[in-house]
Protein backbone atom coordinates (compact mmCIF):
# COMPACT_ATOMS: atom_id res chain seq x y z
CA UNK A 1 105.72 93.66 113.78
CA UNK A 2 108.49 93.45 116.32
CA UNK A 3 107.73 91.20 119.25
CA UNK A 4 105.26 89.02 117.37
CA UNK A 5 107.48 85.99 117.84
CA UNK A 6 107.38 86.46 121.61
CA UNK A 7 103.64 87.10 121.71
CA UNK A 8 102.68 84.19 119.48
CA UNK A 9 99.98 84.18 116.84
CA UNK A 10 97.32 85.36 119.28
CA UNK A 11 99.42 88.40 120.10
CA UNK A 12 99.15 89.66 116.53
CA UNK A 13 95.50 90.56 117.10
CA UNK A 14 96.35 93.43 119.42
CA UNK A 15 99.90 94.25 118.42
CA UNK A 16 99.13 96.21 115.26
CA UNK A 17 96.40 98.25 116.96
CA UNK A 18 98.78 99.08 119.83
CA UNK A 19 101.43 100.23 117.37
CA UNK A 20 98.89 102.58 115.79
CA UNK A 21 97.84 103.89 119.21
CA UNK A 22 101.47 104.47 120.25
CA UNK A 23 101.90 106.76 117.27
CA UNK A 24 103.79 104.74 114.68
CA UNK A 25 103.10 105.72 111.08
CA UNK A 26 103.67 102.24 109.69
CA UNK A 27 104.14 98.57 110.44
CA UNK A 28 106.53 96.21 108.66
CA UNK A 29 106.20 92.43 108.75
CA UNK A 30 109.37 90.35 108.35
CA UNK A 31 110.00 87.10 106.49
CA UNK A 32 111.84 85.29 109.26
CA UNK A 33 109.94 82.67 111.23
CA UNK A 34 106.49 83.54 109.86
CA UNK A 35 105.03 84.23 106.45
CA UNK A 36 105.33 88.02 106.06
CA UNK A 37 101.93 88.49 104.43
CA UNK A 38 99.65 86.79 106.95
CA UNK A 39 100.34 89.12 109.92
CA UNK A 40 99.51 92.08 107.69
CA UNK A 41 96.11 90.60 106.89
CA UNK A 42 95.43 90.75 110.62
CA UNK A 43 96.85 94.27 110.81
CA UNK A 44 94.69 95.41 107.89
CA UNK A 45 91.58 94.44 109.83
CA UNK A 46 92.66 95.94 113.17
CA UNK A 47 94.10 99.30 112.06
CA UNK A 48 92.75 102.23 110.10
CA UNK A 49 95.54 104.61 109.11
CA UNK A 50 99.05 103.14 109.51
CA UNK A 51 100.96 102.03 106.44
CA UNK A 52 101.48 98.27 106.20
CA UNK A 53 104.42 96.66 104.43
CA UNK A 54 106.54 93.57 104.07
CA UNK A 55 110.02 94.35 105.26
CA UNK A 56 110.86 92.21 103.45
CA UNK A 57 109.25 89.31 101.62
CA UNK A 58 111.90 87.04 100.11
CA UNK A 59 111.24 87.45 96.41
CA UNK A 60 113.17 84.47 95.10
CA UNK A 61 111.39 82.10 97.47
CA UNK A 62 108.20 82.88 95.54
CA UNK A 63 107.25 83.44 91.92
CA UNK A 64 105.97 86.83 90.71
CA UNK A 65 102.40 85.56 90.28
CA UNK A 66 101.96 84.37 93.87
CA UNK A 67 103.56 87.55 95.19
CA UNK A 68 101.39 89.74 92.96
CA UNK A 69 98.28 87.96 94.23
CA UNK A 70 99.14 88.32 97.92
CA UNK A 71 100.10 91.98 97.50
CA UNK A 72 96.92 92.78 95.58
CA UNK A 73 94.80 91.16 98.29
CA UNK A 74 96.51 93.14 101.04
CA UNK A 75 96.17 96.37 99.07
CA UNK A 76 92.42 95.76 98.90
CA UNK A 77 92.10 94.63 102.53
CA UNK A 78 93.97 97.68 103.82
CA UNK A 79 92.15 100.21 101.62
CA UNK A 80 95.35 101.10 99.79
CA UNK A 81 97.80 101.16 102.71
CA UNK A 82 100.02 98.27 101.63
CA UNK A 83 103.64 98.50 100.44
CA UNK A 84 105.31 95.46 98.88
CA UNK A 85 108.86 95.28 100.21
CA UNK A 86 111.06 92.72 98.44
CA UNK A 87 114.51 91.35 99.13
CA UNK A 88 116.72 88.62 97.76
CA UNK A 89 118.07 86.75 100.79
CA UNK A 90 121.39 85.01 100.12
CA UNK A 91 122.21 82.12 97.81
CA UNK A 92 122.48 79.45 100.50
CA UNK A 93 118.98 80.15 101.82
CA UNK A 94 117.37 80.36 98.38
CA UNK A 95 118.91 77.11 97.19
CA UNK A 96 119.12 75.06 100.39
CA UNK A 97 116.22 76.35 102.53
CA UNK A 98 113.70 77.20 99.81
CA UNK A 99 114.98 74.85 97.07
CA UNK A 100 114.62 77.60 94.49
CA UNK A 101 116.98 78.76 91.71
CA UNK A 102 119.62 81.42 92.26
CA UNK A 103 121.34 83.52 89.64
CA UNK A 104 122.38 87.14 88.98
CA UNK A 105 120.34 88.61 91.87
CA UNK A 106 120.22 92.21 90.62
CA UNK A 107 119.07 91.22 87.14
CA UNK A 108 116.61 88.68 88.53
CA UNK A 109 115.12 91.21 90.95
CA UNK A 110 114.68 93.78 88.18
CA UNK A 111 112.84 91.24 86.09
CA UNK A 112 110.81 90.07 89.10
CA UNK A 113 109.50 93.59 89.77
CA UNK A 114 108.64 94.17 86.13
CA UNK A 115 106.85 90.82 85.96
CA UNK A 116 104.68 91.78 88.93
CA UNK A 117 103.83 95.10 87.34
CA UNK A 118 102.87 93.33 84.10
CA UNK A 119 100.58 90.98 86.03
CA UNK A 120 98.92 93.84 87.88
CA UNK A 121 98.50 95.77 84.62
CA UNK A 122 96.84 92.75 83.04
CA UNK A 123 94.38 92.52 85.90
CA UNK A 124 93.71 96.26 85.92
CA UNK A 125 93.34 96.88 82.18
CA UNK A 126 92.34 93.51 80.79
CA UNK A 127 95.25 93.50 78.35
CA UNK A 128 96.75 90.15 77.46
CA UNK A 129 99.43 88.97 79.87
CA UNK A 130 102.59 88.41 77.86
CA UNK A 131 105.66 88.83 80.01
CA UNK A 132 108.75 87.06 78.70
CA UNK A 133 112.04 87.44 80.50
CA UNK A 134 115.23 85.53 81.05
CA UNK A 135 114.10 84.24 84.45
CA UNK A 136 110.30 84.52 84.46
CA UNK A 137 107.63 84.01 81.84
CA UNK A 138 103.97 84.79 82.51
CA UNK A 139 101.80 84.32 79.42
CA UNK A 140 98.51 82.90 80.69
CA UNK A 141 95.73 84.73 82.52
CA UNK A 142 92.09 83.75 82.13
CA UNK A 143 89.00 85.52 83.55
CA UNK A 144 88.51 82.83 86.18
CA UNK A 145 91.87 83.62 87.77
CA UNK A 146 91.71 87.41 87.41
CA UNK A 147 90.99 89.19 90.72
CA UNK A 148 87.96 91.44 90.94
CA UNK A 149 89.10 95.07 90.47
CA UNK A 150 89.35 97.32 93.51
CA UNK A 151 89.66 101.14 93.66
CA UNK A 152 93.00 101.37 95.49
CA UNK A 153 95.47 101.02 92.62
CA UNK A 154 98.64 98.96 92.60
CA UNK A 155 100.75 98.77 95.77
CA UNK A 156 104.03 100.60 95.87
CA UNK A 157 107.08 98.35 95.51
CA UNK A 158 110.26 98.95 97.49
CA UNK A 159 113.44 96.90 97.24
CA UNK A 160 115.87 96.10 100.02
CA UNK A 161 119.49 96.74 99.07
CA UNK A 162 122.96 97.09 100.51
CA UNK A 163 125.31 96.87 97.53
CA UNK A 164 125.50 99.28 94.59
CA UNK A 165 123.95 96.98 91.96
CA UNK A 166 120.75 96.29 93.88
CA UNK A 167 120.53 99.94 94.92
CA UNK A 168 120.54 100.87 91.23
CA UNK A 169 117.77 98.36 90.55
CA UNK A 170 115.66 99.95 93.28
CA UNK A 171 116.17 103.46 91.91
CA UNK A 172 115.43 102.35 88.35
CA UNK A 173 112.55 99.89 88.79
CA UNK A 174 110.94 100.39 92.19
CA UNK A 175 109.03 103.09 94.04
CA UNK A 176 111.51 103.17 96.86
CA UNK A 177 114.53 101.71 98.60
CA UNK A 178 114.31 99.76 101.83
CA UNK A 179 117.79 100.27 103.21
CA UNK A 180 119.14 97.19 104.94
CA UNK A 181 119.40 97.41 108.72
CA UNK A 182 123.14 96.77 108.45
CA UNK A 183 123.77 100.31 107.25
CA UNK A 184 125.37 103.33 108.91
CA UNK A 185 124.86 107.05 108.61
CA UNK A 186 128.18 107.32 106.77
CA UNK A 187 127.38 104.50 104.33
CA UNK A 188 124.03 106.11 103.57
CA UNK A 189 125.49 109.54 102.85
CA UNK A 190 128.67 108.45 101.05
CA UNK A 191 127.54 105.35 99.15
CA UNK A 192 123.79 104.74 99.02
CA UNK A 193 122.37 108.21 98.37
CA UNK A 194 124.84 109.20 95.61
CA UNK A 195 123.98 105.98 93.76
CA UNK A 196 120.23 106.59 94.14
CA UNK A 197 120.48 110.18 92.95
CA UNK A 198 122.66 109.25 89.97
CA UNK A 199 120.33 106.45 88.84
CA UNK A 200 117.20 108.57 89.29
CA UNK A 201 118.73 111.25 87.07
CA UNK A 202 119.55 108.66 84.40
CA UNK A 203 115.94 107.47 84.16
CA UNK A 204 114.41 110.94 84.55
CA UNK A 205 112.83 110.41 87.96
CA UNK A 206 112.53 112.91 90.80
CA UNK A 207 113.91 112.20 94.26
CA UNK A 208 110.60 113.46 95.68
CA UNK A 209 108.82 110.55 94.00
CA UNK A 210 111.17 107.96 95.49
CA UNK A 211 110.94 106.86 99.14
CA UNK A 212 113.94 105.80 101.17
CA UNK A 213 113.02 103.78 104.24
CA UNK A 214 115.55 102.68 106.83
CA UNK A 215 114.94 100.01 109.48
CA UNK A 216 117.65 101.14 111.88
CA UNK A 217 118.94 99.31 114.92
CA UNK A 218 117.99 100.78 118.29
CA UNK A 219 119.18 99.47 121.66
CA UNK A 220 116.92 100.88 124.34
CA UNK A 221 114.76 100.01 127.31
CA UNK A 222 112.82 101.59 130.15
CA UNK A 223 115.10 100.11 132.85
CA UNK A 224 118.83 99.44 133.14
CA UNK A 225 118.12 95.72 132.91
CA UNK A 226 116.08 96.17 129.72
CA UNK A 227 118.78 98.37 128.18
CA UNK A 228 121.49 95.82 128.99
CA UNK A 229 119.44 93.05 127.39
CA UNK A 230 118.77 95.21 124.33
CA UNK A 231 122.45 96.07 123.88
CA UNK A 232 123.39 92.40 124.01
CA UNK A 233 120.75 91.51 121.41
CA UNK A 234 121.86 94.31 119.09
CA UNK A 235 125.51 93.29 119.36
CA UNK A 236 124.46 89.77 118.38
CA UNK A 237 122.47 91.10 115.40
CA UNK A 238 125.37 93.24 114.19
CA UNK A 239 127.68 90.22 114.45
CA UNK A 240 125.28 88.11 112.41
CA UNK A 241 124.96 90.73 109.67
CA UNK A 242 128.67 91.48 109.72
CA UNK A 243 129.52 87.83 109.01
CA UNK A 244 127.65 87.91 105.69
CA UNK A 245 129.96 88.48 102.68
CA UNK A 246 127.28 90.45 100.83
CA UNK A 247 127.33 93.09 103.59
CA UNK A 248 131.10 93.36 104.06
CA UNK A 249 131.21 96.64 102.08
CA UNK A 250 129.69 98.50 105.02
CA UNK A 251 132.38 97.32 107.43
CA UNK A 252 135.09 97.99 104.86
CA UNK A 253 133.99 101.62 104.49
CA UNK A 254 134.72 102.07 108.20
CA UNK A 255 138.09 100.29 107.96
CA UNK A 256 136.85 97.14 109.68
CA UNK A 257 137.99 94.65 107.03
CA UNK A 258 139.46 92.24 109.58
CA UNK A 259 136.26 92.24 111.62
CA UNK A 260 134.26 90.86 108.71
CA UNK A 261 136.88 88.20 108.01
CA UNK A 262 136.83 86.99 111.61
CA UNK A 263 133.04 87.13 111.94
CA UNK A 264 132.65 85.13 108.76
CA UNK A 265 135.16 82.51 109.96
CA UNK A 266 133.43 82.14 113.31
CA UNK A 267 129.98 81.92 111.70
CA UNK A 268 131.17 78.92 109.72
CA UNK A 269 132.09 77.28 113.02
CA UNK A 270 128.80 78.30 114.63
CA UNK A 271 130.56 80.26 117.38
CA UNK A 272 127.93 82.98 117.83
CA UNK A 273 129.01 83.83 121.39
CA UNK A 274 132.55 84.77 120.36
CA UNK A 275 131.16 86.69 117.38
CA UNK A 276 128.96 88.81 119.62
CA UNK A 277 131.95 89.62 121.84
CA UNK A 278 133.79 91.12 118.87
CA UNK A 279 131.23 93.92 118.54
CA UNK A 280 132.82 96.59 120.72
CA UNK A 281 131.20 99.87 121.76
CA UNK A 282 132.53 101.76 118.75
CA UNK A 283 130.97 99.32 116.31
CA UNK A 284 127.78 99.12 118.38
CA UNK A 285 127.27 102.89 118.47
CA UNK A 286 128.09 103.24 114.78
CA UNK A 287 125.33 100.85 113.77
CA UNK A 288 122.75 101.56 116.48
CA UNK A 289 121.19 104.38 118.44
CA UNK A 290 121.83 103.40 122.06
CA UNK A 291 120.34 104.88 125.21
CA UNK A 292 117.18 105.44 127.18
CA UNK A 293 114.09 105.68 124.93
CA UNK A 294 113.67 109.45 124.57
CA UNK A 295 117.40 109.87 124.02
CA UNK A 296 117.49 107.09 121.42
CA UNK A 297 114.55 108.62 119.55
CA UNK A 298 116.26 112.00 119.41
CA UNK A 299 119.50 110.37 118.22
CA UNK A 300 117.66 108.87 115.25
CA UNK A 301 116.65 112.34 114.10
CA UNK A 302 120.16 113.71 114.62
CA UNK A 303 121.67 111.00 112.47
CA UNK A 304 119.14 110.50 109.72
CA UNK A 305 117.10 113.68 109.20
CA UNK A 306 117.53 114.63 105.56
CA UNK A 307 118.96 111.23 104.64
CA UNK A 308 115.86 109.01 104.81
CA UNK A 309 112.13 109.58 104.42
CA UNK A 310 110.99 106.92 106.86
CA UNK A 311 112.75 105.36 109.85
CA UNK A 312 111.65 102.04 111.29
CA UNK A 313 112.65 100.68 114.68
CA UNK A 314 114.71 97.52 114.21
CA UNK A 315 114.73 95.91 117.65
CA UNK A 316 115.86 92.25 117.75
CA UNK A 317 114.52 91.94 121.31
CA UNK A 318 111.15 92.50 123.05
CA UNK A 319 110.48 96.24 123.20
CA UNK A 320 107.73 97.25 125.61
CA UNK A 321 104.94 99.62 124.61
CA UNK A 322 106.10 102.25 127.12
CA UNK A 323 109.62 102.32 125.71
CA UNK A 324 108.35 102.32 122.12
CA UNK A 325 106.06 105.25 122.83
CA UNK A 326 108.93 107.18 124.45
CA UNK A 327 111.17 106.56 121.44
CA UNK A 328 108.47 107.88 119.12
CA UNK A 329 107.91 110.90 121.37
CA UNK A 330 111.65 111.60 121.51
CA UNK A 331 111.92 111.46 117.71
CA UNK A 332 108.91 113.71 117.19
CA UNK A 333 110.20 116.26 119.72
CA UNK A 334 113.62 116.32 118.05
CA UNK A 335 111.99 116.75 114.65
CA UNK A 336 109.97 119.70 115.93
CA UNK A 337 113.13 121.34 117.28
CA UNK A 338 115.10 120.83 114.08
């Protein structure tokens, strides 16, 4: 729900409905400065056909039971349109912001997903809840705390990943992969997709039954001033992502080892202005589709058709409805021509 932070809580009431009217197929709610589930409760009541998902909810900030409950409620409220997107965040945030334990993120995420599925299965079938893992144990469920059944089934679960280990977890345990926004066309085709296809083969799953969603960066606007502001915001976002050690593999693939080292050093000093200045046009255009709205929408199709199943606009700046609609129209027109 891009722009919600600028609009405030009251703005959520109309934002989801406008996104549906513009022509978006889905809406993702982020776990940044708001709880990711609450905006989707509003969206469930103000939309009728768009998919609704958390992109992402920080798994390790919550336990599987509380996440299972929130997801089940949203699946019911939306008449089966909800997708549970989960991500790990990084160790510092889990331990120091959320005061929660951190260990072996790939193994913990795998267990987390399977714990949620066990909880949902217990609610759906009435079988005794008896999940015992290395990180999570759920062995108590009484009728009083069992949700009333609904006809919409369990939500799909998608996992956000950048590195190979978490990508394998997604392909093995989840219904889809939510590619991190700090990903390029080359990284997708040379690293991510081969891992997904290999892991799916190992567990006997079909690629057609696995959804790859990509929230890709777009720098666009209806006026020159808006475009300039968008480019600046996207450079800043790339610099932030590029400073994170867990995402350095993407920069390294492109030969930008030194860029990560310098961004990481500057982030430790809190020098975000200098960091943003290090993102030159080559880096910017590698990570983002840049241009006027129709052009940017067409560029998305050129880059990612055949690589991903769903593309989400990642816009770390206010994007007006007119520009958003033009991006969607540009993408649809390019798809029709392809």
